[in-house]
Protein backbone atom coordinates (compact mmCIF):
# COMPACT_ATOMS: atom_id res chain seq x y z
CA UNK A 1 0.00 0.00 0.00
CA UNK A 2 2.72 2.42 0.99
CA UNK A 3 4.68 1.65 -2.17
CA UNK A 4 1.72 2.24 -4.49
CA UNK A 5 0.80 5.40 -2.59
CA UNK A 6 4.38 6.62 -2.94
CA UNK A 7 4.35 5.81 -6.64
CA UNK A 8 1.09 7.69 -7.15
CA UNK A 9 2.37 10.70 -5.23
CA UNK A 10 5.57 10.88 -7.27
CA UNK A 11 3.53 10.55 -10.48
CA UNK A 12 1.26 13.43 -9.43
CA UNK A 13 4.26 15.48 -8.34
CA UNK A 14 5.86 14.81 -11.71
CA UNK A 15 2.77 15.99 -13.58
CA UNK A 16 2.43 19.08 -11.38
CA UNK A 17 6.12 19.83 -11.91
CA UNK A 18 5.68 19.56 -15.68
CA UNK A 19 2.64 21.86 -15.61
CA UNK A 20 4.33 24.52 -13.47
CA UNK A 21 7.52 24.24 -15.54
CA UNK A 22 5.53 24.75 -18.75
CA UNK A 23 3.80 27.81 -17.25
CA UNK A 24 7.15 29.20 -16.07
CA UNK A 25 8.76 28.73 -19.49
CA UNK A 26 5.68 30.24 -21.14
CA UNK A 27 5.92 33.33 -18.94
CA UNK A 28 9.65 33.68 -19.61
CA UNK A 29 9.15 33.52 -23.38
CA UNK A 30 5.95 35.58 -23.26
CA UNK A 31 3.62 32.84 -24.54
CA UNK A 32 1.24 33.19 -21.59
PDB file of N, CA and C in Angstrom:
ATOM      1  N   UNK A   1       0.845  -1.212   0.000  1.00  0.00           N
ATOM      2  CA  UNK A   1       0.000   0.000   0.000  1.00  0.00           C
ATOM      3  C   UNK A   1       0.871   1.250   0.000  1.00  0.00           C
ATOM      4  N   UNK A   2       1.849   1.240   0.894  1.00  0.00           N
ATOM      5  CA  UNK A   2       2.716   2.417   0.992  1.00  0.00           C
ATOM      6  C   UNK A   2       3.468   2.630  -0.319  1.00  0.00           C
ATOM      7  N   UNK A   3       3.911   1.528  -0.932  1.00  0.00           N
ATOM      8  CA  UNK A   3       4.683   1.647  -2.173  1.00  0.00           C
ATOM      9  C   UNK A   3       3.816   2.232  -3.285  1.00  0.00           C
ATOM     10  N   UNK A   4       2.590   1.719  -3.432  1.00  0.00           N
ATOM     11  CA  UNK A   4       1.725   2.241  -4.491  1.00  0.00           C
ATOM     12  C   UNK A   4       1.364   3.700  -4.209  1.00  0.00           C
ATOM     13  N   UNK A   5       1.110   4.017  -2.945  1.00  0.00           N
ATOM     14  CA  UNK A   5       0.800   5.399  -2.591  1.00  0.00           C
ATOM     15  C   UNK A   5       1.977   6.298  -2.941  1.00  0.00           C
ATOM     16  N   UNK A   6       3.182   5.857  -2.614  1.00  0.00           N
ATOM     17  CA  UNK A   6       4.381   6.624  -2.941  1.00  0.00           C
ATOM     18  C   UNK A   6       4.477   6.820  -4.446  1.00  0.00           C
ATOM     19  N   UNK A   7       4.247   5.731  -5.187  1.00  0.00           N
ATOM     20  CA  UNK A   7       4.354   5.806  -6.641  1.00  0.00           C
ATOM     21  C   UNK A   7       3.329   6.794  -7.207  1.00  0.00           C
ATOM     22  N   UNK A   8       2.106   6.765  -6.658  1.00  0.00           N
ATOM     23  CA  UNK A   8       1.085   7.688  -7.151  1.00  0.00           C
ATOM     24  C   UNK A   8       1.453   9.127  -6.816  1.00  0.00           C
ATOM     25  N   UNK A   9       1.983   9.349  -5.626  1.00  0.00           N
ATOM     26  CA  UNK A   9       2.373  10.696  -5.233  1.00  0.00           C
ATOM     27  C   UNK A   9       3.456  11.223  -6.154  1.00  0.00           C
ATOM     28  N   UNK A  10       4.475  10.406  -6.417  1.00  0.00           N
ATOM     29  CA  UNK A  10       5.565  10.876  -7.270  1.00  0.00           C
ATOM     30  C   UNK A  10       5.043  11.147  -8.679  1.00  0.00           C
ATOM     31  N   UNK A  11       4.082  10.321  -9.146  1.00  0.00           N
ATOM     32  CA  UNK A  11       3.530  10.553 -10.481  1.00  0.00           C
ATOM     33  C   UNK A  11       2.797  11.891 -10.522  1.00  0.00           C
ATOM     34  N   UNK A  12       1.982  12.159  -9.482  1.00  0.00           N
ATOM     35  CA  UNK A  12       1.262  13.434  -9.434  1.00  0.00           C
ATOM     36  C   UNK A  12       2.238  14.597  -9.317  1.00  0.00           C
ATOM     37  N   UNK A  13       3.273  14.410  -8.486  1.00  0.00           N
ATOM     38  CA  UNK A  13       4.261  15.485  -8.343  1.00  0.00           C
ATOM     39  C   UNK A  13       4.955  15.740  -9.670  1.00  0.00           C
ATOM     40  N   UNK A  14       5.223  14.658 -10.399  1.00  0.00           N
ATOM     41  CA  UNK A  14       5.863  14.812 -11.709  1.00  0.00           C
ATOM     42  C   UNK A  14       4.980  15.596 -12.669  1.00  0.00           C
ATOM     43  N   UNK A  15       3.687  15.270 -12.693  1.00  0.00           N
ATOM     44  CA  UNK A  15       2.768  15.986 -13.577  1.00  0.00           C
ATOM     45  C   UNK A  15       2.656  17.450 -13.161  1.00  0.00           C
ATOM     46  N   UNK A  16       2.533  17.694 -11.848  1.00  0.00           N
ATOM     47  CA  UNK A  16       2.434  19.078 -11.377  1.00  0.00           C
ATOM     48  C   UNK A  16       3.694  19.851 -11.728  1.00  0.00           C
ATOM     49  N   UNK A  17       4.858  19.188 -11.575  1.00  0.00           N
ATOM     50  CA  UNK A  17       6.124  19.829 -11.912  1.00  0.00           C
ATOM     51  C   UNK A  17       6.151  20.199 -13.388  1.00  0.00           C
ATOM     52  N   UNK A  18       5.693  19.287 -14.238  1.00  0.00           N
ATOM     53  CA  UNK A  18       5.680  19.564 -15.680  1.00  0.00           C
ATOM     54  C   UNK A  18       4.767  20.743 -15.992  1.00  0.00           C
ATOM     55  N   UNK A  19       3.587  20.782 -15.346  1.00  0.00           N
ATOM     56  CA  UNK A  19       2.638  21.865 -15.608  1.00  0.00           C
ATOM     57  C   UNK A  19       3.226  23.205 -15.181  1.00  0.00           C
ATOM     58  N   UNK A  20       3.763  23.262 -13.960  1.00  0.00           N
ATOM     59  CA  UNK A  20       4.331  24.516 -13.474  1.00  0.00           C
ATOM     60  C   UNK A  20       5.544  24.925 -14.292  1.00  0.00           C
ATOM     61  N   UNK A  21       6.351  23.944 -14.715  1.00  0.00           N
ATOM     62  CA  UNK A  21       7.523  24.235 -15.536  1.00  0.00           C
ATOM     63  C   UNK A  21       7.090  24.825 -16.878  1.00  0.00           C
ATOM     64  N   UNK A  22       6.035  24.244 -17.470  1.00  0.00           N
ATOM     65  CA  UNK A  22       5.531  24.751 -18.751  1.00  0.00           C
ATOM     66  C   UNK A  22       5.024  26.187 -18.585  1.00  0.00           C
ATOM     67  N   UNK A  23       4.299  26.457 -17.496  1.00  0.00           N
ATOM     68  CA  UNK A  23       3.803  27.808 -17.252  1.00  0.00           C
ATOM     69  C   UNK A  23       4.961  28.778 -17.059  1.00  0.00           C
ATOM     70  N   UNK A  24       5.994  28.349 -16.317  1.00  0.00           N
ATOM     71  CA  UNK A  24       7.152  29.197 -16.073  1.00  0.00           C
ATOM     72  C   UNK A  24       7.858  29.535 -17.375  1.00  0.00           C
ATOM     73  N   UNK A  25       8.096  28.507 -18.202  1.00  0.00           N
ATOM     74  CA  UNK A  25       8.760  28.728 -19.492  1.00  0.00           C
ATOM     75  C   UNK A  25       7.896  29.627 -20.376  1.00  0.00           C
ATOM     76  N   UNK A  26       6.576  29.408 -20.348  1.00  0.00           N
ATOM     77  CA  UNK A  26       5.676  30.240 -21.139  1.00  0.00           C
ATOM     78  C   UNK A  26       5.752  31.699 -20.712  1.00  0.00           C
ATOM     79  N   UNK A  27       5.811  31.953 -19.421  1.00  0.00           N
ATOM     80  CA  UNK A  27       5.919  33.331 -18.940  1.00  0.00           C
ATOM     81  C   UNK A  27       7.251  33.937 -19.356  1.00  0.00           C
ATOM     82  N   UNK A  28       8.326  33.165 -19.256  1.00  0.00           N
ATOM     83  CA  UNK A  28       9.652  33.678 -19.607  1.00  0.00           C
ATOM     84  C   UNK A  28       9.697  34.072 -21.084  1.00  0.00           C
ATOM     85  N   UNK A  29       9.106  33.237 -21.940  1.00  0.00           N
ATOM     86  CA  UNK A  29       9.150  33.517 -23.376  1.00  0.00           C
ATOM     87  C   UNK A  29       7.960  34.355 -23.856  1.00  0.00           C
ATOM     88  N   UNK A  30       7.060  34.707 -22.911  1.00  0.00           N
ATOM     89  CA  UNK A  30       5.947  35.577 -23.259  1.00  0.00           C
ATOM     90  C   UNK A  30       4.841  34.883 -24.019  1.00  0.00           C
ATOM     91  N   UNK A  31       4.704  33.559 -23.872  1.00  0.00           N
ATOM     92  CA  UNK A  31       3.620  32.843 -24.542  1.00  0.00           C
ATOM     93  C   UNK A  31       2.326  32.970 -23.752  1.00  0.00           C
ATOM     94  N   UNK A  32       2.433  33.139 -22.431  1.00  0.00           N
ATOM     95  CA  UNK A  32       1.238  33.187 -21.593  1.00  0.00           C
ATOM     96  C   UNK A  32       0.916  34.646 -21.245  1.00  0.00           C
TER      97      UNK A  32
END
